[in-house]
Amino acid sequence: MEVINVELQVKDEKRADYEKFVRELVNKSLAEKGNLAYAHFKKIDCQDTYEIIEHWRDQAAVATHNETAHFKRFLSEINDYLVTPPAILRMTAAS
């Protein structure tokens, strides 16, 4: 299993638009073959910090996801909403 955590610090004035934008990514990603979980969270003690947590069957599923139109759109537009670049943590299940 492959796990990807993405921390996003969103501009205060862009929060509502960001949440709508990410909702489409989450919904479409959940429908992908090879996706085990895909969720979007808001940090409890910080209004502008969010986390996307993804679980994929294997690296092939991640590679397929990376080629989808909704993910490419996310990559091309996400920086419009952010204060800093996303912090990405990639992990694989240990044997």
C-alpha atoms as a PDB file:
ATOM      1  CA  MET A   1       0.000   0.000   0.000  1.00  0.00           C
ATOM      2  CA  GLU A   2       1.144   3.532  -0.818  1.00  0.00           C
ATOM      3  CA  VAL A   3       0.215   6.444   1.468  1.00  0.00           C
ATOM      4  CA  ILE A   4       0.496  10.117   0.567  1.00  0.00           C
ATOM      5  CA  ASN A   5      -0.132  12.963   3.012  1.00  0.00           C
ATOM      6  CA  VAL A   6      -0.312  16.482   1.636  1.00  0.00           C
ATOM      7  CA  GLU A   7      -0.388  19.455   4.008  1.00  0.00           C
ATOM      8  CA  LEU A   8      -1.791  22.656   2.533  1.00  0.00           C
ATOM      9  CA  GLN A   9      -1.757  26.129   4.077  1.00  0.00           C
ATOM     10  CA  VAL A  10      -4.554  28.071   2.403  1.00  0.00           C
ATOM     11  CA  LYS A  11      -4.898  31.841   2.014  1.00  0.00           C
ATOM     12  CA  ASP A  12      -7.622  33.047   4.374  1.00  0.00           C
ATOM     13  CA  GLU A  13      -9.566  34.840   1.648  1.00  0.00           C
ATOM     14  CA  LYS A  14      -9.471  31.741  -0.593  1.00  0.00           C
ATOM     15  CA  ARG A  15     -10.732  29.147   1.931  1.00  0.00           C
ATOM     16  CA  ALA A  16     -14.281  28.729   0.598  1.00  0.00           C
ATOM     17  CA  ASP A  17     -13.126  28.506  -3.018  1.00  0.00           C
ATOM     18  CA  TYR A  18     -10.357  26.090  -2.033  1.00  0.00           C
ATOM     19  CA  GLU A  19     -12.771  23.768  -0.221  1.00  0.00           C
ATOM     20  CA  LYS A  20     -15.012  23.619  -3.287  1.00  0.00           C
ATOM     21  CA  PHE A  21     -12.016  23.051  -5.565  1.00  0.00           C
ATOM     22  CA  VAL A  22     -10.656  20.189  -3.438  1.00  0.00           C
ATOM     23  CA  ARG A  23     -14.074  18.545  -3.038  1.00  0.00           C
ATOM     24  CA  GLU A  24     -14.052  17.725  -6.766  1.00  0.00           C
ATOM     25  CA  LEU A  25     -10.555  16.206  -6.501  1.00  0.00           C
ATOM     26  CA  VAL A  26     -11.560  14.052  -3.528  1.00  0.00           C
ATOM     27  CA  ASN A  27     -14.791  12.791  -5.107  1.00  0.00           C
ATOM     28  CA  LYS A  28     -13.163  11.871  -8.396  1.00  0.00           C
ATOM     29  CA  SER A  29     -10.126  10.305  -6.724  1.00  0.00           C
ATOM     30  CA  LEU A  30     -12.316   8.123  -4.509  1.00  0.00           C
ATOM     31  CA  ALA A  31     -13.889   6.635  -7.650  1.00  0.00           C
ATOM     32  CA  GLU A  32     -10.542   5.553  -9.106  1.00  0.00           C
ATOM     33  CA  LYS A  33      -9.600   1.913  -9.368  1.00  0.00           C
ATOM     34  CA  GLY A  34      -6.799   1.199  -6.920  1.00  0.00           C
ATOM     35  CA  ASN A  35      -7.855   3.894  -4.458  1.00  0.00           C
ATOM     36  CA  LEU A  36      -8.330   2.571  -0.921  1.00  0.00           C
ATOM     37  CA  ALA A  37      -9.024   5.893   0.821  1.00  0.00           C
ATOM     38  CA  TYR A  38      -8.889   9.574  -0.074  1.00  0.00           C
ATOM     39  CA  ALA A  39      -9.914  12.162   2.508  1.00  0.00           C
ATOM     40  CA  HIS A  40      -9.592  15.881   3.165  1.00  0.00           C
ATOM     41  CA  PHE A  41      -9.200  17.257   6.690  1.00  0.00           C
ATOM     42  CA  LYS A  42      -8.968  20.676   8.353  1.00  0.00           C
ATOM     43  CA  LYS A  43      -6.481  21.046  11.192  1.00  0.00           C
ATOM     44  CA  ILE A  44      -8.332  21.515  14.481  1.00  0.00           C
ATOM     45  CA  ASP A  45      -6.280  24.377  15.879  1.00  0.00           C
ATOM     46  CA  CYS A  46      -5.613  26.266  12.639  1.00  0.00           C
ATOM     47  CA  GLN A  47      -8.323  27.560  10.300  1.00  0.00           C
ATOM     48  CA  ASP A  48      -6.099  27.691   7.239  1.00  0.00           C
ATOM     49  CA  THR A  49      -4.250  24.354   7.385  1.00  0.00           C
ATOM     50  CA  TYR A  50      -5.620  21.293   5.636  1.00  0.00           C
ATOM     51  CA  GLU A  51      -4.419  17.766   4.953  1.00  0.00           C
ATOM     52  CA  ILE A  52      -5.214  15.367   2.144  1.00  0.00           C
ATOM     53  CA  ILE A  53      -4.566  11.746   3.131  1.00  0.00           C
ATOM     54  CA  GLU A  54      -4.486   9.193   0.330  1.00  0.00           C
ATOM     55  CA  HIS A  55      -4.166   5.393   0.437  1.00  0.00           C
ATOM     56  CA  TRP A  56      -3.477   3.548  -2.807  1.00  0.00           C
ATOM     57  CA  ARG A  57      -3.274  -0.172  -3.556  1.00  0.00           C
ATOM     58  CA  ASP A  58       0.187   0.143  -5.135  1.00  0.00           C
ATOM     59  CA  GLN A  59       2.515   2.461  -7.024  1.00  0.00           C
ATOM     60  CA  ALA A  60       0.771   1.649 -10.310  1.00  0.00           C
ATOM     61  CA  ALA A  61      -2.480   3.068  -8.895  1.00  0.00           C
ATOM     62  CA  VAL A  62      -0.631   6.249  -7.863  1.00  0.00           C
ATOM     63  CA  ALA A  63       0.880   6.551 -11.342  1.00  0.00           C
ATOM     64  CA  THR A  64      -2.551   6.175 -12.941  1.00  0.00           C
ATOM     65  CA  HIS A  65      -4.011   8.783 -10.568  1.00  0.00           C
ATOM     66  CA  ASN A  66      -1.212  11.202 -11.478  1.00  0.00           C
ATOM     67  CA  GLU A  67      -2.321  11.067 -15.130  1.00  0.00           C
ATOM     68  CA  THR A  68      -6.007  11.845 -14.511  1.00  0.00           C
ATOM     69  CA  ALA A  69      -7.539  15.133 -15.639  1.00  0.00           C
ATOM     70  CA  HIS A  70      -8.739  16.007 -12.118  1.00  0.00           C
ATOM     71  CA  PHE A  71      -5.260  15.527 -10.612  1.00  0.00           C
ATOM     72  CA  LYS A  72      -3.577  17.501 -13.396  1.00  0.00           C
ATOM     73  CA  ARG A  73      -6.079  20.304 -12.813  1.00  0.00           C
ATOM     74  CA  PHE A  74      -5.296  20.196  -9.097  1.00  0.00           C
ATOM     75  CA  LEU A  75      -1.566  20.545  -9.820  1.00  0.00           C
ATOM     76  CA  SER A  76      -2.054  23.406 -12.246  1.00  0.00           C
ATOM     77  CA  GLU A  77      -4.362  25.444  -9.985  1.00  0.00           C
ATOM     78  CA  ILE A  78      -3.559  24.603  -6.341  1.00  0.00           C
ATOM     79  CA  ASN A  79      -0.865  27.229  -5.876  1.00  0.00           C
ATOM     80  CA  ASP A  80      -3.458  29.957  -6.490  1.00  0.00           C
ATOM     81  CA  TYR A  81      -4.980  29.032  -3.116  1.00  0.00           C
ATOM     82  CA  LEU A  82      -1.851  28.501  -1.026  1.00  0.00           C
ATOM     83  CA  VAL A  83       0.372  30.594   1.218  1.00  0.00           C
ATOM     84  CA  THR A  84       3.278  28.131   0.856  1.00  0.00           C
ATOM     85  CA  PRO A  85       3.956  25.162  -1.421  1.00  0.00           C
ATOM     86  CA  PRO A  86       2.311  21.893  -0.341  1.00  0.00           C
ATOM     87  CA  ALA A  87       4.284  19.707   2.081  1.00  0.00           C
ATOM     88  CA  ILE A  88       4.148  16.153   0.717  1.00  0.00           C
ATOM     89  CA  LEU A  89       4.993  12.997   2.642  1.00  0.00           C
ATOM     90  CA  ARG A  90       5.064   9.741   0.664  1.00  0.00           C
ATOM     91  CA  MET A  91       5.159   6.368   2.414  1.00  0.00           C
ATOM     92  CA  THR A  92       4.927   2.712   1.489  1.00  0.00           C
ATOM     93  CA  ALA A  93       3.777  -0.133   3.711  1.00  0.00           C
ATOM     94  CA  ALA A  94       6.698  -1.789   5.453  1.00  0.00           C
ATOM     95  CA  SER A  95       7.012  -5.538   5.014  1.00  0.00           C
END
